[in-house]
Amino acid sequence: MTHGKQWPLLAARGFHDMFAGTWIESDDPDEIARLLGSDPATAAPCGLEEAMREYEPYAFRELVWLGEHSSGWIHAVTIAGPRLRTDLLAAAGRRFVQVVWEPHGLGVHDLYYSDGTAAGRCSPVDIADPGWPFHEYTEGLVPRRPDLIDVFSAGPAEPVGSLGLWLENWLILAGRVSGRLIDEQYLDATRRLYSVPI
């Protein structure tokens, strides 16, 4: 699977203050919504541009733009609220990976994941560790490069240097696990905006 840069596609759609995407093994978005405590009857079909009118990271409500990503996989993008809780997915035995970018906090979070049996977190610096369930998808992904210059500032984190590499690694890995990278066609599709209890 070839890949271009994933983060610029998301940044161009406005995910500057937070991005939390959860790729979940399933063919049924409504089933996943119900598993998360949402009522699918109240979900509103919309494109991402319309969904982003509700963009409010850390709000005291949770809105998730959720729909088919590839055959056998759903993608849930948090539009409002904190990152999607994954404990209910793990308890139901669902395979998932979750990528979180938070410039006003950690920058790149650990990858939250479940292989359907065990759930956990993987640090970006441990991406090449052969002991974790999604190791087979990490070919060519490295935790550091000798030519990488890290830039640190007192302000919000920027997706450059190691942070940029780690973010791109996680997004590529999520695409490999789910069988589809994010592309313009994906971002231009109509999915549904679900309200999920926090």
N, C-alpha and C. Protein backbone atom coordinates (compact mmCIF):
# COMPACT_ATOMS: atom_id res chain seq x y z
N MET A 1 0.85 -1.18 0.00
CA MET A 1 0.00 0.00 0.00
C MET A 1 0.90 1.24 0.00
N THR A 2 0.78 2.05 -1.02
CA THR A 2 1.55 3.28 -1.05
C THR A 2 0.85 4.32 -0.20
N HIS A 3 1.59 5.35 0.16
CA HIS A 3 0.96 6.37 0.99
C HIS A 3 1.59 7.73 0.73
N GLY A 4 0.74 8.74 0.83
CA GLY A 4 1.22 10.11 0.85
C GLY A 4 1.10 10.60 2.28
N LYS A 5 1.33 11.84 2.47
CA LYS A 5 1.20 12.41 3.81
C LYS A 5 -0.26 12.42 4.23
N GLN A 6 -0.52 11.90 5.41
CA GLN A 6 -1.88 11.82 5.94
C GLN A 6 -2.28 13.09 6.70
N TRP A 7 -1.38 13.60 7.55
CA TRP A 7 -1.75 14.73 8.39
C TRP A 7 -2.14 15.98 7.60
N PRO A 8 -1.44 16.36 6.53
CA PRO A 8 -1.87 17.57 5.80
C PRO A 8 -3.32 17.51 5.31
N LEU A 9 -3.81 16.32 4.96
CA LEU A 9 -5.21 16.19 4.54
C LEU A 9 -6.16 16.53 5.68
N LEU A 10 -5.81 16.09 6.88
CA LEU A 10 -6.66 16.37 8.05
C LEU A 10 -6.51 17.81 8.51
N ALA A 11 -5.29 18.32 8.50
CA ALA A 11 -5.07 19.71 8.91
C ALA A 11 -5.83 20.67 7.99
N ALA A 12 -5.88 20.36 6.69
CA ALA A 12 -6.59 21.21 5.74
C ALA A 12 -8.09 21.24 6.00
N ARG A 13 -8.59 20.24 6.72
CA ARG A 13 -10.02 20.19 7.06
C ARG A 13 -10.31 20.80 8.42
N GLY A 14 -9.29 21.35 9.10
CA GLY A 14 -9.54 22.12 10.31
C GLY A 14 -9.24 21.47 11.64
N PHE A 15 -8.56 20.34 11.65
CA PHE A 15 -8.29 19.64 12.91
C PHE A 15 -7.04 20.18 13.62
N HIS A 16 -6.98 21.47 13.82
CA HIS A 16 -5.77 22.08 14.39
C HIS A 16 -5.72 21.95 15.91
N ASP A 17 -6.85 22.01 16.59
CA ASP A 17 -6.86 21.99 18.05
C ASP A 17 -6.95 20.58 18.64
N MET A 18 -7.37 19.62 17.83
CA MET A 18 -7.38 18.22 18.26
C MET A 18 -7.84 17.36 17.11
N PHE A 19 -7.23 16.20 16.97
CA PHE A 19 -7.75 15.17 16.09
C PHE A 19 -7.76 13.88 16.89
N ALA A 20 -8.91 13.21 16.90
CA ALA A 20 -9.02 11.89 17.53
C ALA A 20 -9.81 11.01 16.57
N GLY A 21 -9.12 10.07 15.95
CA GLY A 21 -9.75 9.15 15.02
C GLY A 21 -9.64 7.74 15.54
N THR A 22 -10.74 7.00 15.45
CA THR A 22 -10.77 5.61 15.92
C THR A 22 -11.24 4.72 14.78
N TRP A 23 -10.38 3.81 14.37
CA TRP A 23 -10.68 2.85 13.32
C TRP A 23 -11.13 1.56 14.02
N ILE A 24 -12.35 1.09 13.68
CA ILE A 24 -12.98 -0.01 14.42
C ILE A 24 -13.39 -1.11 13.43
N GLU A 25 -13.06 -2.34 13.76
CA GLU A 25 -13.43 -3.45 12.89
C GLU A 25 -14.93 -3.71 13.01
N SER A 26 -15.67 -3.45 11.92
CA SER A 26 -17.12 -3.65 11.87
C SER A 26 -17.60 -3.26 10.48
N ASP A 27 -18.75 -3.82 10.08
CA ASP A 27 -19.41 -3.41 8.84
C ASP A 27 -20.64 -2.56 9.10
N ASP A 28 -20.96 -2.32 10.37
CA ASP A 28 -22.24 -1.69 10.71
C ASP A 28 -22.03 -0.48 11.62
N PRO A 29 -22.06 0.73 11.04
CA PRO A 29 -21.87 1.94 11.86
C PRO A 29 -22.89 2.07 12.99
N ASP A 30 -24.15 1.72 12.72
CA ASP A 30 -25.18 1.84 13.77
C ASP A 30 -24.90 0.90 14.93
N GLU A 31 -24.40 -0.30 14.63
CA GLU A 31 -24.06 -1.24 15.70
C GLU A 31 -22.97 -0.65 16.59
N ILE A 32 -21.97 -0.05 15.98
CA ILE A 32 -20.89 0.57 16.76
C ILE A 32 -21.44 1.74 17.56
N ALA A 33 -22.31 2.55 16.95
CA ALA A 33 -22.91 3.68 17.66
C ALA A 33 -23.68 3.20 18.88
N ARG A 34 -24.47 2.14 18.71
CA ARG A 34 -25.23 1.61 19.85
C ARG A 34 -24.29 1.09 20.94
N LEU A 35 -23.22 0.43 20.52
CA LEU A 35 -22.23 -0.08 21.46
C LEU A 35 -21.63 1.07 22.30
N LEU A 36 -21.50 2.23 21.67
CA LEU A 36 -20.96 3.41 22.35
C LEU A 36 -22.02 4.17 23.15
N GLY A 37 -23.28 3.70 23.11
CA GLY A 37 -24.34 4.34 23.88
C GLY A 37 -25.15 5.36 23.10
N SER A 38 -24.95 5.45 21.79
CA SER A 38 -25.66 6.42 20.97
C SER A 38 -26.95 5.82 20.42
N ASP A 39 -27.92 6.67 20.13
CA ASP A 39 -29.15 6.25 19.49
C ASP A 39 -29.03 6.57 18.00
N PRO A 40 -28.86 5.56 17.14
CA PRO A 40 -28.69 5.81 15.72
C PRO A 40 -29.84 6.58 15.08
N ALA A 41 -31.03 6.49 15.66
CA ALA A 41 -32.18 7.20 15.09
C ALA A 41 -32.00 8.72 15.14
N THR A 42 -31.12 9.19 16.01
CA THR A 42 -30.91 10.64 16.14
C THR A 42 -29.70 11.13 15.34
N ALA A 43 -29.01 10.23 14.65
CA ALA A 43 -27.82 10.61 13.89
C ALA A 43 -28.21 11.38 12.64
N ALA A 44 -27.41 12.38 12.28
CA ALA A 44 -27.70 13.22 11.13
C ALA A 44 -26.69 12.96 10.02
N PRO A 45 -27.15 12.59 8.80
CA PRO A 45 -26.23 12.42 7.69
C PRO A 45 -25.62 13.78 7.32
N CYS A 46 -24.31 13.79 7.07
CA CYS A 46 -23.66 15.04 6.69
C CYS A 46 -22.26 14.75 6.16
N GLY A 47 -21.72 15.71 5.47
CA GLY A 47 -20.33 15.65 5.05
C GLY A 47 -19.45 16.19 6.17
N LEU A 48 -18.15 16.02 6.00
CA LEU A 48 -17.23 16.48 7.04
C LEU A 48 -17.28 18.00 7.20
N GLU A 49 -17.41 18.73 6.11
CA GLU A 49 -17.46 20.19 6.20
C GLU A 49 -18.63 20.64 7.08
N GLU A 50 -19.77 20.01 6.89
CA GLU A 50 -20.94 20.34 7.72
C GLU A 50 -20.71 19.90 9.17
N ALA A 51 -20.14 18.72 9.36
CA ALA A 51 -19.86 18.23 10.72
C ALA A 51 -18.92 19.18 11.44
N MET A 52 -17.94 19.73 10.73
CA MET A 52 -16.94 20.59 11.36
C MET A 52 -17.52 21.92 11.85
N ARG A 53 -18.73 22.24 11.49
CA ARG A 53 -19.39 23.43 12.06
C ARG A 53 -19.65 23.23 13.55
N GLU A 54 -19.64 21.97 13.98
CA GLU A 54 -19.83 21.63 15.40
C GLU A 54 -18.50 21.35 16.10
N TYR A 55 -17.38 21.58 15.41
CA TYR A 55 -16.06 21.25 15.95
C TYR A 55 -15.79 22.01 17.24
N GLU A 56 -15.63 21.26 18.32
CA GLU A 56 -15.40 21.86 19.63
C GLU A 56 -14.65 20.86 20.52
N PRO A 57 -13.32 20.79 20.34
CA PRO A 57 -12.57 19.87 21.20
C PRO A 57 -12.81 20.17 22.68
N TYR A 58 -12.87 19.12 23.48
CA TYR A 58 -13.02 19.20 24.93
C TYR A 58 -14.36 19.76 25.37
N ALA A 59 -15.35 19.77 24.49
CA ALA A 59 -16.69 20.24 24.87
C ALA A 59 -17.30 19.27 25.88
N PHE A 60 -18.33 19.72 26.56
CA PHE A 60 -19.04 18.86 27.50
C PHE A 60 -20.15 18.10 26.80
N ARG A 61 -19.87 17.69 25.59
CA ARG A 61 -20.75 16.84 24.77
C ARG A 61 -19.82 16.12 23.81
N GLU A 62 -20.29 15.01 23.28
CA GLU A 62 -19.45 14.27 22.32
C GLU A 62 -20.22 14.02 21.04
N LEU A 63 -19.65 14.51 19.94
CA LEU A 63 -20.19 14.26 18.61
C LEU A 63 -19.14 13.52 17.81
N VAL A 64 -19.56 12.48 17.11
CA VAL A 64 -18.64 11.64 16.36
C VAL A 64 -19.16 11.48 14.94
N TRP A 65 -18.30 11.81 13.97
CA TRP A 65 -18.61 11.60 12.55
C TRP A 65 -18.18 10.18 12.23
N LEU A 66 -19.15 9.31 11.97
CA LEU A 66 -18.87 7.87 11.94
C LEU A 66 -19.50 7.24 10.71
N GLY A 67 -18.73 6.36 10.08
CA GLY A 67 -19.26 5.64 8.92
C GLY A 67 -18.25 4.66 8.37
N GLU A 68 -18.61 4.03 7.27
CA GLU A 68 -17.75 3.03 6.65
C GLU A 68 -16.44 3.65 6.20
N HIS A 69 -15.37 2.94 6.47
CA HIS A 69 -14.04 3.39 6.05
C HIS A 69 -13.53 2.50 4.92
N SER A 70 -13.60 1.21 5.12
CA SER A 70 -13.20 0.22 4.13
C SER A 70 -13.99 -1.05 4.43
N SER A 71 -13.83 -2.05 3.62
CA SER A 71 -14.56 -3.29 3.85
C SER A 71 -14.19 -3.86 5.22
N GLY A 72 -15.18 -3.94 6.09
CA GLY A 72 -14.97 -4.51 7.41
C GLY A 72 -14.48 -3.53 8.46
N TRP A 73 -14.37 -2.25 8.11
CA TRP A 73 -13.87 -1.25 9.06
C TRP A 73 -14.71 0.02 9.04
N ILE A 74 -14.93 0.54 10.24
CA ILE A 74 -15.63 1.80 10.47
C ILE A 74 -14.59 2.82 10.95
N HIS A 75 -14.79 4.08 10.60
CA HIS A 75 -13.92 5.14 11.14
C HIS A 75 -14.80 6.13 11.90
N ALA A 76 -14.42 6.42 13.13
CA ALA A 76 -15.13 7.39 13.96
C ALA A 76 -14.19 8.56 14.23
N VAL A 77 -14.57 9.75 13.81
CA VAL A 77 -13.76 10.95 14.02
C VAL A 77 -14.47 11.83 15.04
N THR A 78 -13.79 12.13 16.12
CA THR A 78 -14.37 12.99 17.15
C THR A 78 -14.44 14.42 16.63
N ILE A 79 -15.65 14.98 16.65
CA ILE A 79 -15.88 16.36 16.20
C ILE A 79 -15.98 17.29 17.41
N ALA A 80 -16.65 16.85 18.45
CA ALA A 80 -16.77 17.64 19.67
C ALA A 80 -16.56 16.70 20.86
N GLY A 81 -15.93 17.25 21.89
CA GLY A 81 -15.71 16.48 23.10
C GLY A 81 -14.30 15.92 23.17
N PRO A 82 -14.06 15.07 24.14
CA PRO A 82 -12.74 14.44 24.29
C PRO A 82 -12.59 13.29 23.30
N ARG A 83 -11.45 12.64 23.32
CA ARG A 83 -11.27 11.46 22.46
C ARG A 83 -12.32 10.42 22.81
N LEU A 84 -12.74 9.64 21.84
CA LEU A 84 -13.75 8.61 22.04
C LEU A 84 -13.26 7.58 23.05
N ARG A 85 -14.11 7.24 24.01
CA ARG A 85 -13.77 6.18 24.97
C ARG A 85 -13.68 4.86 24.22
N THR A 86 -12.67 4.09 24.53
CA THR A 86 -12.49 2.81 23.84
C THR A 86 -12.75 1.61 24.74
N ASP A 87 -13.04 1.84 26.01
CA ASP A 87 -13.24 0.71 26.91
C ASP A 87 -14.43 -0.16 26.51
N LEU A 88 -15.49 0.46 25.99
CA LEU A 88 -16.66 -0.31 25.57
C LEU A 88 -16.34 -1.16 24.34
N LEU A 89 -15.53 -0.62 23.44
CA LEU A 89 -15.10 -1.38 22.26
C LEU A 89 -14.26 -2.58 22.67
N ALA A 90 -13.33 -2.33 23.60
CA ALA A 90 -12.46 -3.41 24.07
C ALA A 90 -13.26 -4.49 24.78
N ALA A 91 -14.22 -4.07 25.60
CA ALA A 91 -15.04 -5.03 26.35
C ALA A 91 -15.88 -5.89 25.40
N ALA A 92 -16.23 -5.33 24.24
CA ALA A 92 -17.03 -6.08 23.26
C ALA A 92 -16.15 -6.92 22.34
N GLY A 93 -14.84 -6.90 22.56
CA GLY A 93 -13.93 -7.72 21.75
C GLY A 93 -13.69 -7.17 20.36
N ARG A 94 -13.85 -5.86 20.18
CA ARG A 94 -13.63 -5.23 18.88
C ARG A 94 -12.16 -4.89 18.67
N ARG A 95 -11.66 -5.15 17.49
CA ARG A 95 -10.33 -4.67 17.13
C ARG A 95 -10.45 -3.19 16.78
N PHE A 96 -9.50 -2.38 17.26
CA PHE A 96 -9.50 -0.97 16.92
C PHE A 96 -8.11 -0.40 17.11
N VAL A 97 -7.89 0.74 16.47
CA VAL A 97 -6.73 1.58 16.76
C VAL A 97 -7.24 3.01 16.85
N GLN A 98 -6.65 3.78 17.74
CA GLN A 98 -7.07 5.17 17.92
C GLN A 98 -5.84 6.07 17.92
N VAL A 99 -5.90 7.09 17.06
CA VAL A 99 -4.82 8.07 16.92
C VAL A 99 -5.32 9.40 17.47
N VAL A 100 -4.52 10.01 18.35
CA VAL A 100 -4.90 11.29 18.94
C VAL A 100 -3.75 12.29 18.78
N TRP A 101 -4.08 13.46 18.22
CA TRP A 101 -3.16 14.60 18.12
C TRP A 101 -3.76 15.72 18.95
N GLU A 102 -3.00 16.23 19.89
CA GLU A 102 -3.49 17.22 20.84
C GLU A 102 -2.39 18.28 21.05
N PRO A 103 -2.36 19.34 20.24
CA PRO A 103 -1.26 20.30 20.31
C PRO A 103 -1.17 21.06 21.62
N HIS A 104 -2.28 21.17 22.35
CA HIS A 104 -2.25 21.90 23.62
C HIS A 104 -1.98 20.96 24.80
N GLY A 105 -1.59 19.73 24.49
CA GLY A 105 -1.29 18.76 25.54
C GLY A 105 -0.03 17.99 25.18
N LEU A 106 -0.19 16.70 24.94
CA LEU A 106 0.95 15.82 24.69
C LEU A 106 1.49 15.90 23.28
N GLY A 107 0.75 16.52 22.37
CA GLY A 107 1.10 16.42 20.97
C GLY A 107 0.57 15.09 20.46
N VAL A 108 1.45 14.12 20.25
CA VAL A 108 1.04 12.79 19.80
C VAL A 108 0.86 11.87 21.01
N HIS A 109 -0.33 11.32 21.14
CA HIS A 109 -0.59 10.35 22.21
C HIS A 109 -0.01 9.00 21.82
N ASP A 110 0.09 8.12 22.81
CA ASP A 110 0.31 6.71 22.51
C ASP A 110 -0.83 6.23 21.62
N LEU A 111 -0.58 5.17 20.86
CA LEU A 111 -1.64 4.56 20.08
C LEU A 111 -2.47 3.68 21.01
N TYR A 112 -3.76 3.96 21.09
CA TYR A 112 -4.68 3.11 21.85
C TYR A 112 -5.13 2.01 20.90
N TYR A 113 -5.17 0.76 21.35
CA TYR A 113 -5.51 -0.32 20.44
C TYR A 113 -6.12 -1.51 21.18
N SER A 114 -6.79 -2.35 20.40
CA SER A 114 -7.21 -3.67 20.86
C SER A 114 -7.08 -4.61 19.68
N ASP A 115 -6.56 -5.80 19.94
CA ASP A 115 -6.47 -6.83 18.90
C ASP A 115 -7.67 -7.76 18.95
N GLY A 116 -8.70 -7.38 19.71
CA GLY A 116 -9.90 -8.19 19.85
C GLY A 116 -9.88 -9.04 21.11
N THR A 117 -8.70 -9.21 21.68
CA THR A 117 -8.55 -9.97 22.91
C THR A 117 -8.02 -9.10 24.04
N ALA A 118 -6.92 -8.42 23.75
CA ALA A 118 -6.29 -7.55 24.75
C ALA A 118 -6.24 -6.13 24.22
N ALA A 119 -6.43 -5.16 25.13
CA ALA A 119 -6.34 -3.75 24.78
C ALA A 119 -5.11 -3.16 25.45
N GLY A 120 -4.57 -2.10 24.87
CA GLY A 120 -3.40 -1.46 25.47
C GLY A 120 -3.04 -0.18 24.76
N ARG A 121 -1.82 0.26 25.01
CA ARG A 121 -1.29 1.48 24.41
C ARG A 121 0.13 1.18 23.95
N CYS A 122 0.52 1.80 22.86
CA CYS A 122 1.88 1.65 22.37
C CYS A 122 2.48 3.04 22.21
N SER A 123 3.65 3.25 22.78
CA SER A 123 4.35 4.53 22.66
C SER A 123 4.89 4.70 21.24
N PRO A 124 4.91 5.91 20.72
CA PRO A 124 5.49 6.13 19.38
C PRO A 124 6.94 5.67 19.27
N VAL A 125 7.68 5.70 20.37
CA VAL A 125 9.08 5.28 20.30
C VAL A 125 9.23 3.76 20.29
N ASP A 126 8.12 3.05 20.54
CA ASP A 126 8.16 1.59 20.55
C ASP A 126 7.49 0.97 19.32
N ILE A 127 7.33 1.77 18.27
CA ILE A 127 6.59 1.30 17.09
C ILE A 127 7.24 0.06 16.46
N ALA A 128 8.55 -0.07 16.58
CA ALA A 128 9.24 -1.22 15.97
C ALA A 128 9.32 -2.42 16.90
N ASP A 129 8.72 -2.35 18.08
CA ASP A 129 8.76 -3.46 19.04
C ASP A 129 8.00 -4.66 18.47
N PRO A 130 8.66 -5.79 18.30
CA PRO A 130 7.98 -6.95 17.73
C PRO A 130 6.98 -7.60 18.68
N GLY A 131 6.89 -7.13 19.91
CA GLY A 131 6.03 -7.78 20.90
C GLY A 131 4.62 -7.27 21.00
N TRP A 132 4.19 -6.37 20.11
CA TRP A 132 2.81 -5.88 20.23
C TRP A 132 1.98 -6.33 19.03
N PRO A 133 0.65 -6.41 19.16
CA PRO A 133 -0.19 -7.09 18.18
C PRO A 133 -0.16 -6.54 16.75
N PHE A 134 0.09 -5.27 16.55
CA PHE A 134 0.03 -4.71 15.20
C PHE A 134 1.41 -4.50 14.58
N HIS A 135 2.39 -5.21 15.11
CA HIS A 135 3.77 -5.09 14.60
C HIS A 135 3.87 -5.38 13.11
N GLU A 136 3.06 -6.29 12.61
CA GLU A 136 3.14 -6.68 11.20
C GLU A 136 2.83 -5.52 10.25
N TYR A 137 2.22 -4.45 10.75
CA TYR A 137 1.86 -3.30 9.91
C TYR A 137 2.89 -2.18 9.96
N THR A 138 4.01 -2.39 10.62
CA THR A 138 4.95 -1.30 10.88
C THR A 138 6.14 -1.25 9.93
N GLU A 139 6.15 -2.07 8.90
CA GLU A 139 7.30 -2.08 7.99
C GLU A 139 7.59 -0.68 7.45
N GLY A 140 8.83 -0.25 7.59
CA GLY A 140 9.26 1.06 7.10
C GLY A 140 8.95 2.21 8.03
N LEU A 141 8.20 1.97 9.10
CA LEU A 141 7.89 3.03 10.06
C LEU A 141 8.95 3.00 11.16
N VAL A 142 9.56 4.13 11.40
CA VAL A 142 10.66 4.19 12.36
C VAL A 142 10.36 5.24 13.43
N PRO A 143 10.85 5.04 14.66
CA PRO A 143 10.59 6.00 15.73
C PRO A 143 11.41 7.28 15.63
N ARG A 144 12.50 7.22 14.87
CA ARG A 144 13.35 8.42 14.72
C ARG A 144 14.16 8.28 13.45
N ARG A 145 14.63 9.44 12.96
CA ARG A 145 15.51 9.46 11.79
C ARG A 145 16.68 10.37 12.10
N PRO A 146 17.87 10.04 11.61
CA PRO A 146 19.05 10.85 11.93
C PRO A 146 18.97 12.28 11.40
N ASP A 147 18.22 12.50 10.31
CA ASP A 147 18.15 13.84 9.71
C ASP A 147 17.05 14.72 10.32
N LEU A 148 16.38 14.21 11.34
CA LEU A 148 15.23 14.91 11.91
C LEU A 148 15.67 15.95 12.93
N ILE A 149 15.23 17.18 12.73
CA ILE A 149 15.54 18.25 13.68
C ILE A 149 14.27 18.53 14.48
N ASP A 150 14.39 18.38 15.80
CA ASP A 150 13.24 18.66 16.66
C ASP A 150 13.18 20.14 16.99
N VAL A 151 11.98 20.67 16.96
CA VAL A 151 11.76 22.08 17.27
C VAL A 151 10.85 22.14 18.50
N PHE A 152 11.33 22.74 19.56
CA PHE A 152 10.54 22.85 20.78
C PHE A 152 10.23 24.32 21.02
N SER A 153 9.02 24.58 21.47
CA SER A 153 8.63 25.95 21.77
C SER A 153 7.75 25.93 23.01
N ALA A 154 7.51 27.11 23.55
CA ALA A 154 6.66 27.22 24.73
C ALA A 154 5.18 27.17 24.37
N GLY A 155 4.87 27.31 23.09
CA GLY A 155 3.48 27.33 22.66
C GLY A 155 2.95 25.94 22.36
N PRO A 156 1.86 25.88 21.59
CA PRO A 156 1.28 24.58 21.23
C PRO A 156 2.28 23.73 20.45
N ALA A 157 2.13 22.42 20.58
CA ALA A 157 2.97 21.49 19.83
C ALA A 157 2.69 21.61 18.34
N GLU A 158 3.70 21.43 17.54
CA GLU A 158 3.57 21.45 16.08
C GLU A 158 3.89 20.05 15.55
N PRO A 159 3.20 19.60 14.50
CA PRO A 159 3.48 18.28 13.94
C PRO A 159 4.71 18.29 13.04
N VAL A 160 5.87 18.60 13.65
CA VAL A 160 7.14 18.63 12.94
C VAL A 160 8.15 17.81 13.75
N GLY A 161 9.31 17.56 13.18
CA GLY A 161 10.33 16.79 13.88
C GLY A 161 9.79 15.43 14.29
N SER A 162 10.17 14.99 15.47
CA SER A 162 9.72 13.67 15.95
C SER A 162 8.20 13.61 16.08
N LEU A 163 7.58 14.71 16.55
CA LEU A 163 6.11 14.69 16.69
C LEU A 163 5.44 14.47 15.34
N GLY A 164 5.94 15.13 14.30
CA GLY A 164 5.38 14.95 12.96
C GLY A 164 5.57 13.53 12.45
N LEU A 165 6.75 12.98 12.69
CA LEU A 165 7.03 11.60 12.28
C LEU A 165 6.11 10.63 13.01
N TRP A 166 5.98 10.80 14.31
CA TRP A 166 5.14 9.89 15.11
C TRP A 166 3.67 9.97 14.69
N LEU A 167 3.18 11.18 14.46
CA LEU A 167 1.79 11.34 14.04
C LEU A 167 1.56 10.67 12.69
N GLU A 168 2.46 10.91 11.76
CA GLU A 168 2.33 10.30 10.44
C GLU A 168 2.41 8.77 10.54
N ASN A 169 3.33 8.27 11.38
CA ASN A 169 3.43 6.82 11.60
C ASN A 169 2.10 6.24 12.04
N TRP A 170 1.48 6.87 13.04
CA TRP A 170 0.22 6.32 13.57
C TRP A 170 -0.88 6.35 12.51
N LEU A 171 -0.96 7.44 11.74
CA LEU A 171 -2.00 7.54 10.72
C LEU A 171 -1.79 6.50 9.61
N ILE A 172 -0.54 6.29 9.23
CA ILE A 172 -0.24 5.27 8.21
C ILE A 172 -0.54 3.89 8.77
N LEU A 173 -0.15 3.64 10.00
CA LEU A 173 -0.42 2.34 10.61
C LEU A 173 -1.93 2.08 10.66
N ALA A 174 -2.71 3.08 11.05
CA ALA A 174 -4.18 2.91 11.10
C ALA A 174 -4.72 2.59 9.71
N GLY A 175 -4.17 3.23 8.69
CA GLY A 175 -4.59 2.93 7.32
C GLY A 175 -4.23 1.52 6.91
N ARG A 176 -3.06 1.08 7.29
CA ARG A 176 -2.66 -0.30 6.96
C ARG A 176 -3.52 -1.32 7.68
N VAL A 177 -3.78 -1.10 8.95
CA VAL A 177 -4.60 -2.04 9.73
C VAL A 177 -6.01 -2.14 9.13
N SER A 178 -6.58 -0.99 8.78
CA SER A 178 -7.96 -0.94 8.29
C SER A 178 -8.08 -1.20 6.78
N GLY A 179 -6.96 -1.20 6.09
CA GLY A 179 -6.99 -1.48 4.66
C GLY A 179 -7.23 -0.26 3.79
N ARG A 180 -7.23 0.96 4.37
CA ARG A 180 -7.44 2.16 3.58
C ARG A 180 -6.84 3.36 4.28
N LEU A 181 -6.02 4.10 3.56
CA LEU A 181 -5.51 5.36 4.08
C LEU A 181 -6.57 6.44 3.88
N ILE A 182 -6.47 7.50 4.65
CA ILE A 182 -7.34 8.65 4.47
C ILE A 182 -6.98 9.32 3.16
N ASP A 183 -8.01 9.69 2.39
CA ASP A 183 -7.79 10.39 1.13
C ASP A 183 -8.91 11.41 0.94
N GLU A 184 -8.83 12.19 -0.12
CA GLU A 184 -9.85 13.23 -0.35
C GLU A 184 -11.23 12.61 -0.54
N GLN A 185 -11.31 11.48 -1.24
CA GLN A 185 -12.59 10.82 -1.46
C GLN A 185 -13.23 10.43 -0.12
N TYR A 186 -12.40 9.93 0.79
CA TYR A 186 -12.91 9.59 2.12
C TYR A 186 -13.44 10.84 2.83
N LEU A 187 -12.65 11.91 2.78
CA LEU A 187 -13.02 13.13 3.50
C LEU A 187 -14.21 13.85 2.87
N ASP A 188 -14.50 13.57 1.60
CA ASP A 188 -15.63 14.22 0.93
C ASP A 188 -16.92 13.39 1.00
N ALA A 189 -16.86 12.22 1.62
CA ALA A 189 -18.03 11.33 1.68
C ALA A 189 -19.04 11.83 2.71
N THR A 190 -20.27 11.35 2.58
CA THR A 190 -21.30 11.61 3.58
C THR A 190 -21.31 10.44 4.58
N ARG A 191 -21.22 10.80 5.84
CA ARG A 191 -21.36 9.83 6.91
C ARG A 191 -22.43 10.36 7.85
N ARG A 192 -22.45 9.91 9.09
CA ARG A 192 -23.47 10.39 10.00
C ARG A 192 -22.82 10.93 11.26
N LEU A 193 -23.42 11.98 11.79
CA LEU A 193 -22.94 12.60 13.02
C LEU A 193 -23.78 12.07 14.18
N TYR A 194 -23.10 11.36 15.07
CA TYR A 194 -23.76 10.71 16.21
C TYR A 194 -23.42 11.46 17.50
N SER A 195 -24.40 11.58 18.36
CA SER A 195 -24.17 12.08 19.71
C SER A 195 -23.90 10.88 20.61
N VAL A 196 -22.75 10.92 21.30
CA VAL A 196 -22.31 9.81 22.13
C VAL A 196 -22.22 10.30 23.58
N PRO A 197 -22.76 9.55 24.54
CA PRO A 197 -22.62 9.98 25.94
C PRO A 197 -21.16 10.03 26.37
N ILE A 198 -20.82 11.05 27.12
CA ILE A 198 -19.44 11.17 27.63
C ILE A 198 -19.30 10.31 28.87
